[in-house]
Amino acid sequence: MLDSLLEDRLVAEASGDPKQREIVTELRSAKQRLLQLQLETPKDVSAEAVKKRDHEKEEISQRVEELEAGLARKVAGLGHARRALSVTVPQVQAALRKDETLIELLRYQRYLGKDKFEPHYGAVVIGASGEPSWVPLGGTAEIEKNIQLYQKAARGKTDEATLTGVLHALHSQVWAPIEKALPSVTKTIIVSPDAELSFISFATLIGADDKFLAEKYSIRYVAAGRDLLRQSKPSNSRMMFVYANPDFEAKAIASASTPAGATTIAMRSLEMRDLESLYLRPLLGTEAEADALEKRGGKSVKVFIGPSATEAELRQVDSPRVLHLATHGFFLPEIELGKSVDPLQPDQKAPKASLVNPMHRSGLALAGAQTTLEAWARGEVPSTDNDGIITAEEVGGLKLEGTWLVALSACDTGSGEARAGEGVMGLRRGFIQAGAQNLLMTLWPISDEMTVQIMVDFYDAAEKTKNAPQALAEVQRDWLVKLRKERGLLDAFRLAGPFIMSSQGKR
């Protein structure tokens, strides 16, 4: 659905018909207003005001649907077949090299008879030739139980013995059955994850030989197998744009002490579960990251730090070769918005409203984000054009067509809402929609100091090979092995494990 809507919008934007471009402009404006209505806490909670707001939401929602349907009809009228609906297995196979295998993971309801179903995982194994293979992986309960332990270990909540058991167990449950169905020539694995399997860095799994999966295969990711067919003209730009340590306060330097009742963010971890008390901690370590990248790139690198690392500046970026964002990444649960309207009348409650769309609930924090969060807590919603909070929906509208690489050097940027059959709807899909060819993300909190070293090694390897997924696979493998030998499995897993590369198009 998202891919089809994107295709319609792109066709309309490229059209010479000014009416179609006007529709796209109106569509963006309507979506921004709808997001504002969903975020703000109304000060007037009278029955009449609530009814008026609900009516406006309903009207705008209908208008968005009408505009999208209108674009769809125009595209269909041009005889344009949507790639998302017309891709075939042979076409995907033609995009694979002989030593590459695509793994399409799937969470589904297995039929047990007499209207009984049980959630299961399975995988479709697609090689460059031959018939695809179906591999059942078993019920979700035990697999997802181990995934929860895996995620706890990533955040330092388990010991090394527990982690070792989990990495072996997930390899046995998820990978071992798939490996039996792989073509013998396979050297590169392309994973299209689904549901909770989206939050595993497959490179970290450990087999019976006690080696990381990364030591045996080069691993990359796609949101869906059809992404391999995306055609994108490479950007002519040689520039790298780096955004680091944004001034979240915008107008004031954050104090060294944490405000009372605030949530302190450890490393670059961020869970926006309570908007009213969240404190975005400065990311001083990312300035070292920006300095290192500027030194290695010279004049081809443009750095935005502190108050200059704004959403407005990001919106002006036009298909750079590389976009590097070193900041907080976030994913909001499906929260209810709106608390006390008047702090002097704590019993007066605003009507609750759920922020449902996962494309609105994941994103990145830039300069001014803290000011925006504080405004939200007061029931105010600043203009979404430069509020410091760039959602996945807004990311999808950035000008990144042909951009070779987007690196999200932040925490949990690979997160999103896992829905069976839909993969992860969040930042991954937003940047793919914007046109980025390769997207480097992290699945859990990362260390500032270690990230600088890993990032520099990655860029050196990527420039040398001109192959970003392969470069990450090799650098990650080397760091996993090195850190395990020097500091133990737990540190190797936590520090070098979270990086994944999601790609589109032929290499």
Protein backbone atom coordinates (compact mmCIF):
# COMPACT_ATOMS: atom_id res chain seq x y z
CA MET A 1 0.00 0.00 0.00
CA LEU A 2 2.75 2.45 0.99
CA ASP A 3 4.73 1.62 -2.15
CA SER A 4 1.69 2.11 -4.39
CA LEU A 5 0.87 5.48 -2.82
CA LEU A 6 4.49 6.55 -3.22
CA GLU A 7 4.53 5.59 -6.89
CA ASP A 8 1.39 7.63 -7.51
CA ARG A 9 2.93 10.66 -5.80
CA LEU A 10 6.23 10.37 -7.66
CA VAL A 11 4.49 10.06 -11.02
CA ALA A 12 2.39 13.13 -10.20
CA GLU A 13 5.44 15.15 -9.08
CA ALA A 14 7.28 14.26 -12.29
CA SER A 15 4.28 15.13 -14.41
CA GLY A 16 4.23 18.21 -16.59
CA ASP A 17 0.63 18.76 -15.51
CA PRO A 18 0.56 21.59 -12.91
CA LYS A 19 -2.79 20.31 -11.61
CA GLN A 20 -1.20 17.03 -10.53
CA ARG A 21 1.60 18.84 -8.74
CA GLU A 22 -1.01 21.02 -7.00
CA ILE A 23 -2.72 17.87 -5.76
CA VAL A 24 0.58 16.66 -4.26
CA THR A 25 1.11 20.02 -2.53
CA GLU A 26 -2.42 19.99 -1.11
CA LEU A 27 -1.97 16.37 0.01
CA ARG A 28 1.18 17.22 1.97
CA SER A 29 -0.50 20.22 3.57
CA ALA A 30 -3.54 18.15 4.58
CA LYS A 31 -1.35 15.44 6.12
CA GLN A 32 0.60 18.04 8.12
CA ARG A 33 -2.61 19.55 9.50
CA LEU A 34 -3.94 16.10 10.39
CA LEU A 35 -0.73 15.34 12.29
CA GLN A 36 -1.04 18.61 14.20
CA LEU A 37 -4.61 17.77 15.22
CA GLN A 38 -3.47 14.37 16.43
CA LEU A 39 -0.58 15.74 18.49
CA GLU A 40 -1.91 18.83 20.20
CA THR A 41 -3.66 18.85 23.57
CA PRO A 42 -6.71 21.13 23.15
CA LYS A 43 -7.21 23.88 25.72
CA ASP A 44 -10.93 24.05 25.03
CA VAL A 45 -12.43 20.72 26.11
CA SER A 46 -16.06 21.68 25.91
CA ALA A 47 -18.38 19.27 24.15
CA GLU A 48 -18.85 21.74 21.31
CA ALA A 49 -15.06 22.23 20.82
CA VAL A 50 -14.41 18.49 20.90
CA LYS A 51 -17.15 17.91 18.33
CA LYS A 52 -15.70 20.63 16.11
CA ARG A 53 -12.19 19.12 16.28
CA ASP A 54 -13.46 15.63 15.54
CA HIS A 55 -15.37 16.98 12.58
CA GLU A 56 -12.25 18.73 11.24
CA LYS A 57 -10.21 15.51 11.64
CA GLU A 58 -12.86 13.53 9.79
CA GLU A 59 -13.04 16.11 6.99
CA ILE A 60 -9.25 16.21 6.53
CA SER A 61 -8.98 12.41 6.65
CA GLN A 62 -11.61 12.16 3.94
CA ARG A 63 -9.82 14.82 1.89
CA VAL A 64 -6.52 12.91 2.15
CA GLU A 65 -8.25 9.76 0.90
CA GLU A 66 -9.90 11.67 -1.96
CA LEU A 67 -6.59 13.22 -3.03
CA GLU A 68 -4.76 9.87 -2.92
CA ALA A 69 -7.58 8.18 -4.82
CA GLY A 70 -7.47 10.97 -7.40
CA LEU A 71 -3.77 10.46 -7.97
CA ALA A 72 -4.32 6.71 -8.26
CA ARG A 73 -6.97 7.19 -10.96
CA LYS A 74 -4.74 9.54 -12.94
CA VAL A 75 -1.80 7.12 -12.78
CA ALA A 76 -4.02 4.19 -13.78
CA GLY A 77 -5.34 6.30 -16.64
CA LEU A 78 -1.80 6.62 -17.96
CA GLY A 79 -1.58 2.84 -18.17
CA HIS A 80 1.06 2.81 -15.44
CA ALA A 81 1.34 -0.62 -13.80
CA ARG A 82 2.38 -0.29 -10.19
CA ARG A 83 5.59 -2.16 -9.51
CA ALA A 84 4.39 -3.02 -6.01
CA LEU A 85 1.50 -4.98 -7.51
CA SER A 86 3.12 -6.43 -10.62
CA VAL A 87 6.53 -7.77 -9.58
CA THR A 88 7.08 -11.46 -10.33
CA VAL A 89 9.47 -14.03 -8.87
CA PRO A 90 11.49 -14.34 -12.14
CA GLN A 91 12.02 -10.57 -12.14
CA VAL A 92 13.38 -10.68 -8.58
CA GLN A 93 15.58 -13.68 -9.45
CA ALA A 94 17.01 -11.77 -12.41
CA ALA A 95 18.19 -9.08 -9.97
CA LEU A 96 20.11 -11.64 -7.89
CA ARG A 97 23.69 -12.70 -8.52
CA LYS A 98 24.43 -16.44 -8.58
CA ASP A 99 25.90 -16.34 -5.08
CA GLU A 100 23.01 -14.28 -3.59
CA THR A 101 19.88 -15.69 -1.96
CA LEU A 102 16.81 -13.73 -0.88
CA ILE A 103 15.08 -14.82 2.33
CA GLU A 104 11.50 -13.54 2.64
CA LEU A 105 10.45 -14.10 6.25
CA LEU A 106 6.78 -14.31 7.13
CA ARG A 107 4.64 -14.38 10.26
CA TYR A 108 1.34 -16.02 9.42
CA GLN A 109 -1.67 -17.80 10.91
CA ARG A 110 -1.27 -21.53 10.37
CA TYR A 111 -4.55 -23.32 9.85
CA LEU A 112 -5.06 -26.20 12.31
CA GLY A 113 -8.53 -27.24 11.14
CA LYS A 114 -12.06 -26.52 12.37
CA ASP A 115 -11.56 -22.75 12.40
CA LYS A 116 -8.46 -23.01 14.57
CA PHE A 117 -5.29 -21.08 13.81
CA GLU A 118 -1.87 -20.70 15.42
CA PRO A 119 0.70 -17.95 14.72
CA HIS A 120 3.80 -19.35 13.01
CA TYR A 121 6.93 -18.13 11.25
CA GLY A 122 8.12 -19.31 7.87
CA ALA A 123 10.55 -18.34 5.13
CA VAL A 124 10.54 -18.30 1.35
CA VAL A 125 14.05 -18.99 0.04
CA ILE A 126 14.62 -17.51 -3.43
CA GLY A 127 17.86 -18.16 -5.29
CA ALA A 128 19.00 -16.69 -8.61
CA SER A 129 17.49 -19.68 -10.40
CA GLY A 130 15.20 -22.62 -9.73
CA GLU A 131 11.96 -22.77 -7.78
CA PRO A 132 11.61 -20.91 -4.48
CA SER A 133 11.52 -23.08 -1.35
CA TRP A 134 9.11 -22.81 1.58
CA VAL A 135 10.68 -23.40 4.99
CA PRO A 136 8.42 -23.65 8.07
CA LEU A 137 10.10 -22.27 11.20
CA GLY A 138 7.53 -23.24 13.81
CA GLY A 139 5.27 -21.48 16.28
CA THR A 140 5.92 -17.88 17.28
CA ALA A 141 5.80 -18.37 21.06
CA GLU A 142 9.29 -19.82 21.64
CA ILE A 143 10.90 -17.76 18.87
CA GLU A 144 9.48 -14.48 20.17
CA LYS A 145 10.37 -15.42 23.74
CA ASN A 146 14.01 -15.66 22.65
CA ILE A 147 13.73 -12.43 20.67
CA GLN A 148 12.64 -10.66 23.88
CA LEU A 149 15.70 -12.05 25.68
CA TYR A 150 17.83 -10.97 22.70
CA GLN A 151 16.51 -7.40 22.99
CA LYS A 152 17.11 -7.35 26.75
CA ALA A 153 20.71 -8.44 26.18
CA ALA A 154 21.12 -5.62 23.65
CA ARG A 155 20.22 -3.16 26.40
CA GLY A 156 22.51 -4.69 29.03
CA LYS A 157 19.78 -6.49 30.97
CA THR A 158 21.18 -10.04 30.79
CA ASP A 159 24.50 -11.73 31.48
CA GLU A 160 26.86 -13.26 28.94
CA ALA A 161 25.76 -16.84 29.63
CA THR A 162 22.13 -15.96 28.88
CA LEU A 163 23.13 -14.11 25.72
CA THR A 164 25.19 -17.05 24.50
CA GLY A 165 22.21 -19.37 24.94
CA VAL A 166 19.87 -16.97 23.14
CA LEU A 167 22.18 -16.46 20.13
CA HIS A 168 22.56 -20.23 19.75
CA ALA A 169 18.82 -20.83 20.24
CA LEU A 170 17.75 -18.26 17.61
CA HIS A 171 20.29 -19.67 15.17
CA SER A 172 18.82 -23.13 15.72
CA GLN A 173 15.18 -21.98 15.53
CA VAL A 174 15.34 -19.44 12.71
CA TRP A 175 18.53 -19.86 10.70
CA ALA A 176 19.41 -23.58 10.72
CA PRO A 177 16.20 -24.67 8.89
CA ILE A 178 16.71 -21.93 6.27
CA GLU A 179 20.36 -22.81 5.74
CA LYS A 180 19.41 -26.35 4.71
CA ALA A 181 17.41 -24.90 1.80
CA LEU A 182 20.12 -22.48 0.56
CA PRO A 183 21.75 -23.03 -2.83
CA SER A 184 25.26 -24.40 -2.25
CA VAL A 185 26.90 -21.38 -3.93
CA THR A 186 25.33 -18.86 -1.53
CA LYS A 187 27.73 -16.28 -0.11
CA THR A 188 25.41 -13.28 0.33
CA ILE A 189 22.12 -13.38 2.23
CA ILE A 190 19.47 -10.72 1.54
CA VAL A 191 16.93 -10.72 4.37
CA SER A 192 13.42 -9.33 4.11
CA PRO A 193 12.32 -9.58 7.77
CA ASP A 194 8.81 -9.62 9.17
CA ALA A 195 7.20 -8.93 12.54
CA GLU A 196 9.52 -9.43 15.55
CA LEU A 197 12.23 -10.93 13.34
CA SER A 198 12.72 -7.36 12.09
CA PHE A 199 14.56 -6.59 15.31
CA ILE A 200 17.28 -9.23 15.00
CA SER A 201 20.72 -8.45 13.62
CA PHE A 202 21.25 -11.80 11.88
CA ALA A 203 25.02 -11.22 11.75
CA THR A 204 25.15 -11.81 15.52
CA LEU A 205 23.57 -15.29 15.59
CA ILE A 206 25.97 -18.07 16.60
CA GLY A 207 25.94 -21.53 15.04
CA ALA A 208 27.02 -24.96 16.26
CA ASP A 209 30.60 -24.11 15.20
CA ASP A 210 30.52 -21.25 17.77
CA LYS A 211 31.03 -18.66 15.04
CA PHE A 212 28.94 -15.60 14.17
CA LEU A 213 26.74 -15.91 11.10
CA ALA A 214 28.63 -12.85 9.85
CA GLU A 215 31.76 -15.00 9.60
CA LYS A 216 30.08 -17.27 7.05
CA TYR A 217 27.86 -14.94 5.00
CA SER A 218 27.64 -11.32 3.92
CA ILE A 219 24.24 -10.11 5.16
CA ARG A 220 22.13 -7.20 3.92
CA TYR A 221 18.44 -6.33 4.23
CA VAL A 222 15.53 -5.18 2.09
CA ALA A 223 12.11 -3.98 3.22
CA ALA A 224 10.65 -6.32 0.58
CA GLY A 225 12.18 -8.43 -2.19
CA ARG A 226 10.69 -6.16 -4.84
CA ASP A 227 12.97 -3.36 -3.59
CA LEU A 228 15.75 -5.11 -5.53
CA LEU A 229 14.05 -3.92 -8.73
CA ARG A 230 13.93 -0.23 -7.90
CA GLN A 231 15.61 1.86 -10.58
CA SER A 232 17.36 4.96 -9.29
CA LYS A 233 19.63 7.30 -11.17
CA PRO A 234 22.75 7.94 -9.03
CA SER A 235 23.13 11.45 -7.70
CA ASN A 236 25.74 13.62 -9.44
CA SER A 237 26.64 15.18 -6.11
CA ARG A 238 29.91 14.25 -4.37
CA MET A 239 28.83 15.94 -1.12
CA MET A 240 28.34 14.42 2.31
CA PHE A 241 26.01 16.26 4.69
CA VAL A 242 26.54 15.53 8.39
CA TYR A 243 24.12 16.47 11.17
CA ALA A 244 25.47 15.94 14.70
CA ASN A 245 24.76 16.90 18.33
CA PRO A 246 21.70 19.06 17.54
CA ASP A 247 20.87 21.77 20.08
CA PHE A 248 17.61 20.25 21.25
CA GLU A 249 16.91 23.28 23.44
CA ALA A 250 17.28 25.54 20.39
CA LYS A 251 17.32 28.78 22.40
CA ALA A 252 19.26 27.71 25.47
CA ILE A 253 22.19 25.46 26.22
CA ALA A 254 21.08 22.37 28.11
CA SER A 255 22.25 22.42 31.72
CA ALA A 256 24.68 19.82 32.98
CA SER A 257 22.20 18.67 35.61
CA THR A 258 19.15 16.69 34.61
CA PRO A 259 15.83 18.47 35.28
CA ALA A 260 13.83 16.99 38.15
CA GLY A 261 11.48 14.24 37.02
CA ALA A 262 13.01 14.06 33.57
CA THR A 263 14.07 10.93 31.76
CA THR A 264 17.80 10.76 31.18
CA ILE A 265 18.88 9.21 27.92
CA ALA A 266 21.77 6.77 28.32
CA MET A 267 24.22 6.75 25.40
CA ARG A 268 21.90 7.43 22.45
CA SER A 269 18.93 5.45 23.70
CA LEU A 270 15.51 7.04 23.47
CA GLU A 271 12.03 5.82 24.32
CA MET A 272 9.45 8.58 24.05
CA ARG A 273 6.89 7.06 26.38
CA ASP A 274 6.13 10.20 28.34
CA LEU A 275 6.28 13.32 26.20
CA GLU A 276 5.74 15.68 29.10
CA SER A 277 8.82 14.59 31.10
CA LEU A 278 11.26 13.64 28.37
CA TYR A 279 14.70 15.20 28.45
CA LEU A 280 16.83 14.94 25.31
CA ARG A 281 20.39 14.67 26.49
CA PRO A 282 23.06 16.42 24.37
CA LEU A 283 25.08 14.04 22.18
CA LEU A 284 28.54 15.50 22.64
CA GLY A 285 30.20 12.33 21.37
CA THR A 286 28.65 12.79 17.95
CA GLU A 287 30.74 15.94 17.42
CA ALA A 288 33.84 13.72 17.43
CA GLU A 289 32.09 11.59 14.84
CA ALA A 290 31.41 14.66 12.69
CA ASP A 291 35.00 15.90 13.08
CA ALA A 292 36.40 12.53 12.01
CA LEU A 293 34.18 12.46 8.92
CA GLU A 294 35.06 16.06 8.03
CA LYS A 295 38.78 15.32 8.29
CA ARG A 296 38.55 12.30 6.01
CA GLY A 297 36.27 14.04 3.47
CA GLY A 298 37.62 17.58 3.42
CA LYS A 299 35.68 20.11 1.35
CA SER A 300 33.20 17.49 0.17
CA VAL A 301 31.77 17.30 3.71
CA LYS A 302 29.35 19.91 5.07
CA VAL A 303 28.67 19.69 8.81
CA PHE A 304 25.66 21.00 10.75
CA ILE A 305 26.18 21.00 14.52
CA GLY A 306 24.20 22.39 17.46
CA PRO A 307 21.62 25.05 16.53
CA SER A 308 22.36 24.69 12.81
CA ALA A 309 21.33 21.00 12.75
CA THR A 310 17.71 21.88 11.98
CA GLU A 311 14.84 20.20 10.23
CA ALA A 312 14.59 23.23 7.93
CA GLU A 313 18.20 22.67 6.77
CA LEU A 314 17.52 18.97 6.25
CA ARG A 315 14.51 19.75 4.08
CA GLN A 316 16.79 21.81 1.79
CA VAL A 317 19.11 18.87 1.12
CA ASP A 318 18.86 17.79 -2.52
CA SER A 319 20.18 14.29 -3.33
CA PRO A 320 23.63 14.43 -1.72
CA ARG A 321 25.86 11.42 -2.22
CA VAL A 322 25.83 10.70 1.54
CA LEU A 323 23.58 11.93 4.35
CA HIS A 324 24.87 11.20 7.88
CA LEU A 325 22.54 11.84 10.82
CA ALA A 326 24.08 11.41 14.28
CA THR A 327 21.22 12.11 16.67
CA HIS A 328 18.48 10.52 18.74
CA GLY A 329 16.18 8.17 16.89
CA PHE A 330 12.80 7.36 18.44
CA PHE A 331 9.73 5.23 18.18
CA LEU A 332 6.57 6.13 20.04
CA PRO A 333 4.30 3.32 21.21
CA GLU A 334 0.64 3.65 20.23
CA ILE A 335 0.13 6.17 23.02
CA GLU A 336 -2.87 8.19 24.07
CA LEU A 337 -2.15 11.88 23.74
CA GLY A 338 -3.38 14.62 25.99
CA LYS A 339 -3.14 14.94 29.77
CA SER A 340 -3.96 17.77 32.14
CA VAL A 341 -5.06 20.89 30.27
CA ASP A 342 -4.51 23.37 33.12
CA PRO A 343 -1.68 22.63 35.60
CA LEU A 344 -3.64 24.60 38.25
CA GLN A 345 -6.60 22.26 37.78
CA PRO A 346 -5.03 18.77 37.75
CA ASP A 347 -8.41 17.04 37.74
CA GLN A 348 -9.38 18.63 34.43
CA LYS A 349 -8.52 16.12 31.72
CA ALA A 350 -8.26 16.64 27.99
CA PRO A 351 -9.97 14.12 25.74
CA LYS A 352 -7.65 11.27 24.80
CA ALA A 353 -6.56 10.70 21.23
CA SER A 354 -4.38 7.90 19.93
CA LEU A 355 -1.43 8.52 17.65
CA VAL A 356 -1.97 5.40 15.55
CA ASN A 357 -0.07 5.77 12.27
CA PRO A 358 3.42 4.25 12.80
CA MET A 359 4.77 6.61 10.12
CA HIS A 360 3.93 9.43 12.56
CA ARG A 361 5.33 7.65 15.63
CA SER A 362 8.92 7.03 14.52
CA GLY A 363 11.48 9.61 13.55
CA LEU A 364 14.56 11.64 14.41
CA ALA A 365 15.19 14.53 16.80
CA LEU A 366 16.96 17.64 15.48
CA ALA A 367 17.61 21.16 16.80
CA GLY A 368 14.65 22.52 18.76
CA ALA A 369 13.16 19.10 19.49
CA GLN A 370 13.17 19.66 23.28
CA THR A 371 11.40 22.99 22.84
CA THR A 372 8.77 21.23 20.74
CA LEU A 373 8.26 18.49 23.34
CA GLU A 374 7.76 21.14 26.03
CA ALA A 375 5.26 22.94 23.77
CA TRP A 376 3.37 19.68 23.24
CA ALA A 377 3.18 19.28 27.03
CA ARG A 378 1.52 22.71 27.21
CA GLY A 379 -0.99 21.71 24.56
CA GLU A 380 0.72 23.72 21.81
CA VAL A 381 1.91 22.40 18.44
CA PRO A 382 4.62 24.43 16.65
CA SER A 383 4.75 24.42 12.86
CA THR A 384 5.78 20.96 11.66
CA ASP A 385 8.10 22.51 9.03
CA ASN A 386 10.88 23.15 11.56
CA ASP A 387 9.85 21.73 14.93
CA GLY A 388 12.94 19.53 15.33
CA ILE A 389 10.88 16.33 15.22
CA ILE A 390 11.03 14.77 11.77
CA THR A 391 8.67 11.83 11.51
CA ALA A 392 8.99 8.87 9.13
CA GLU A 393 6.09 10.36 7.17
CA GLU A 394 8.08 13.59 6.71
CA VAL A 395 11.26 11.62 5.92
CA GLY A 396 9.43 10.07 2.98
CA GLY A 397 9.14 13.54 1.45
CA LEU A 398 12.86 14.41 1.62
CA LYS A 399 14.80 14.88 -1.63
CA LEU A 400 17.07 11.84 -1.56
CA GLU A 401 16.49 10.36 -5.00
CA GLY A 402 19.79 8.80 -6.08
CA THR A 403 21.48 9.34 -2.69
CA TRP A 404 23.97 6.49 -2.38
CA LEU A 405 23.92 6.25 1.39
CA VAL A 406 21.99 7.50 4.39
CA ALA A 407 23.67 6.65 7.71
CA LEU A 408 21.54 6.93 10.83
CA SER A 409 24.15 6.93 13.55
CA ALA A 410 21.58 7.00 16.31
CA CYS A 411 19.78 4.64 18.62
CA ASP A 412 16.95 2.35 17.57
CA THR A 413 16.67 3.86 14.09
CA GLY A 414 15.80 0.45 12.68
CA SER A 415 12.82 0.28 14.99
CA GLY A 416 9.27 0.73 13.94
CA GLU A 417 6.00 -1.06 14.36
CA ALA A 418 6.23 -4.71 13.42
CA ARG A 419 3.05 -5.91 11.75
CA ALA A 420 2.75 -9.38 10.26
CA GLY A 421 2.82 -9.10 6.48
CA GLU A 422 3.95 -5.48 6.56
CA GLY A 423 7.48 -5.68 7.96
CA VAL A 424 8.53 -2.56 9.83
CA MET A 425 6.60 0.62 9.12
CA GLY A 426 8.82 3.44 10.29
CA LEU A 427 12.09 5.10 9.41
CA ARG A 428 13.17 2.19 7.19
CA ARG A 429 10.20 2.68 4.88
CA GLY A 430 10.42 6.48 5.09
CA PHE A 431 13.99 6.66 3.77
CA ILE A 432 13.33 4.02 1.11
CA GLN A 433 10.37 6.12 -0.04
CA ALA A 434 12.59 9.22 -0.15
CA GLY A 435 14.88 7.43 -2.61
CA ALA A 436 17.94 6.43 -0.55
CA GLN A 437 19.77 3.49 -2.13
CA ASN A 438 21.42 2.24 1.07
CA LEU A 439 20.31 2.90 4.63
CA LEU A 440 22.59 2.20 7.60
CA MET A 441 20.64 1.84 10.86
CA THR A 442 20.97 0.58 14.41
CA LEU A 443 18.63 -1.74 16.29
CA TRP A 444 19.61 -0.79 19.86
CA PRO A 445 21.54 1.86 21.85
CA ILE A 446 25.11 2.41 20.69
CA SER A 447 28.30 3.69 22.28
CA ASP A 448 29.54 7.12 21.16
CA GLU A 449 33.24 6.24 21.38
CA MET A 450 33.02 2.87 19.64
CA THR A 451 30.64 4.17 16.99
CA VAL A 452 33.19 6.75 15.81
CA GLN A 453 35.71 3.98 15.15
CA ILE A 454 33.21 1.69 13.45
CA MET A 455 31.82 4.51 11.30
CA VAL A 456 35.24 5.62 10.08
CA ASP A 457 36.19 2.02 9.24
CA PHE A 458 32.90 1.57 7.42
CA TYR A 459 33.29 4.72 5.29
CA ASP A 460 36.86 3.78 4.39
CA ALA A 461 35.72 0.32 3.27
CA ALA A 462 32.66 1.67 1.44
CA GLU A 463 34.70 4.21 -0.52
CA LYS A 464 37.20 1.54 -1.46
CA THR A 465 34.68 -1.07 -2.64
CA LYS A 466 31.85 1.26 -3.74
CA ASN A 467 29.60 -1.38 -2.20
CA ALA A 468 28.01 -0.12 1.03
CA PRO A 469 26.25 -3.37 2.12
CA GLN A 470 29.40 -5.43 1.56
CA ALA A 471 31.53 -2.86 3.39
CA LEU A 472 29.27 -2.94 6.45
CA ALA A 473 29.19 -6.75 6.43
CA GLU A 474 33.00 -6.96 6.42
CA VAL A 475 33.58 -4.21 9.01
CA GLN A 476 30.90 -5.60 11.31
CA ARG A 477 32.32 -9.12 11.03
CA ASP A 478 35.82 -7.89 11.87
CA TRP A 479 34.64 -5.86 14.88
CA LEU A 480 32.45 -8.69 16.21
CA VAL A 481 35.38 -11.12 16.10
CA LYS A 482 37.89 -8.57 17.47
CA LEU A 483 35.74 -7.42 20.38
CA ARG A 484 34.69 -10.96 21.29
CA LYS A 485 38.34 -11.96 21.55
CA GLU A 486 39.40 -8.85 23.48
CA ARG A 487 36.37 -8.03 25.63
CA GLY A 488 33.98 -10.98 25.51
CA LEU A 489 30.77 -11.87 23.68
CA LEU A 490 28.49 -9.44 25.51
CA ASP A 491 30.53 -6.35 24.56
CA ALA A 492 31.03 -7.59 21.00
CA PHE A 493 27.28 -8.12 20.61
CA ARG A 494 26.23 -4.81 22.13
CA LEU A 495 28.86 -2.60 20.49
CA ALA A 496 29.22 -4.08 16.98
CA GLY A 497 25.98 -6.01 16.61
CA PRO A 498 23.25 -3.36 16.15
CA PHE A 499 24.26 -2.11 12.69
CA ILE A 500 22.19 -3.27 9.72
CA MET A 501 22.10 -2.12 6.09
CA SER A 502 18.78 -1.91 4.25
CA SER A 503 19.15 -1.46 0.47
CA GLN A 504 17.17 -1.11 -2.70
CA GLY A 505 17.96 -1.49 -6.39
CA LYS A 506 20.52 -3.60 -8.18
CA ARG A 507 24.11 -3.34 -7.04
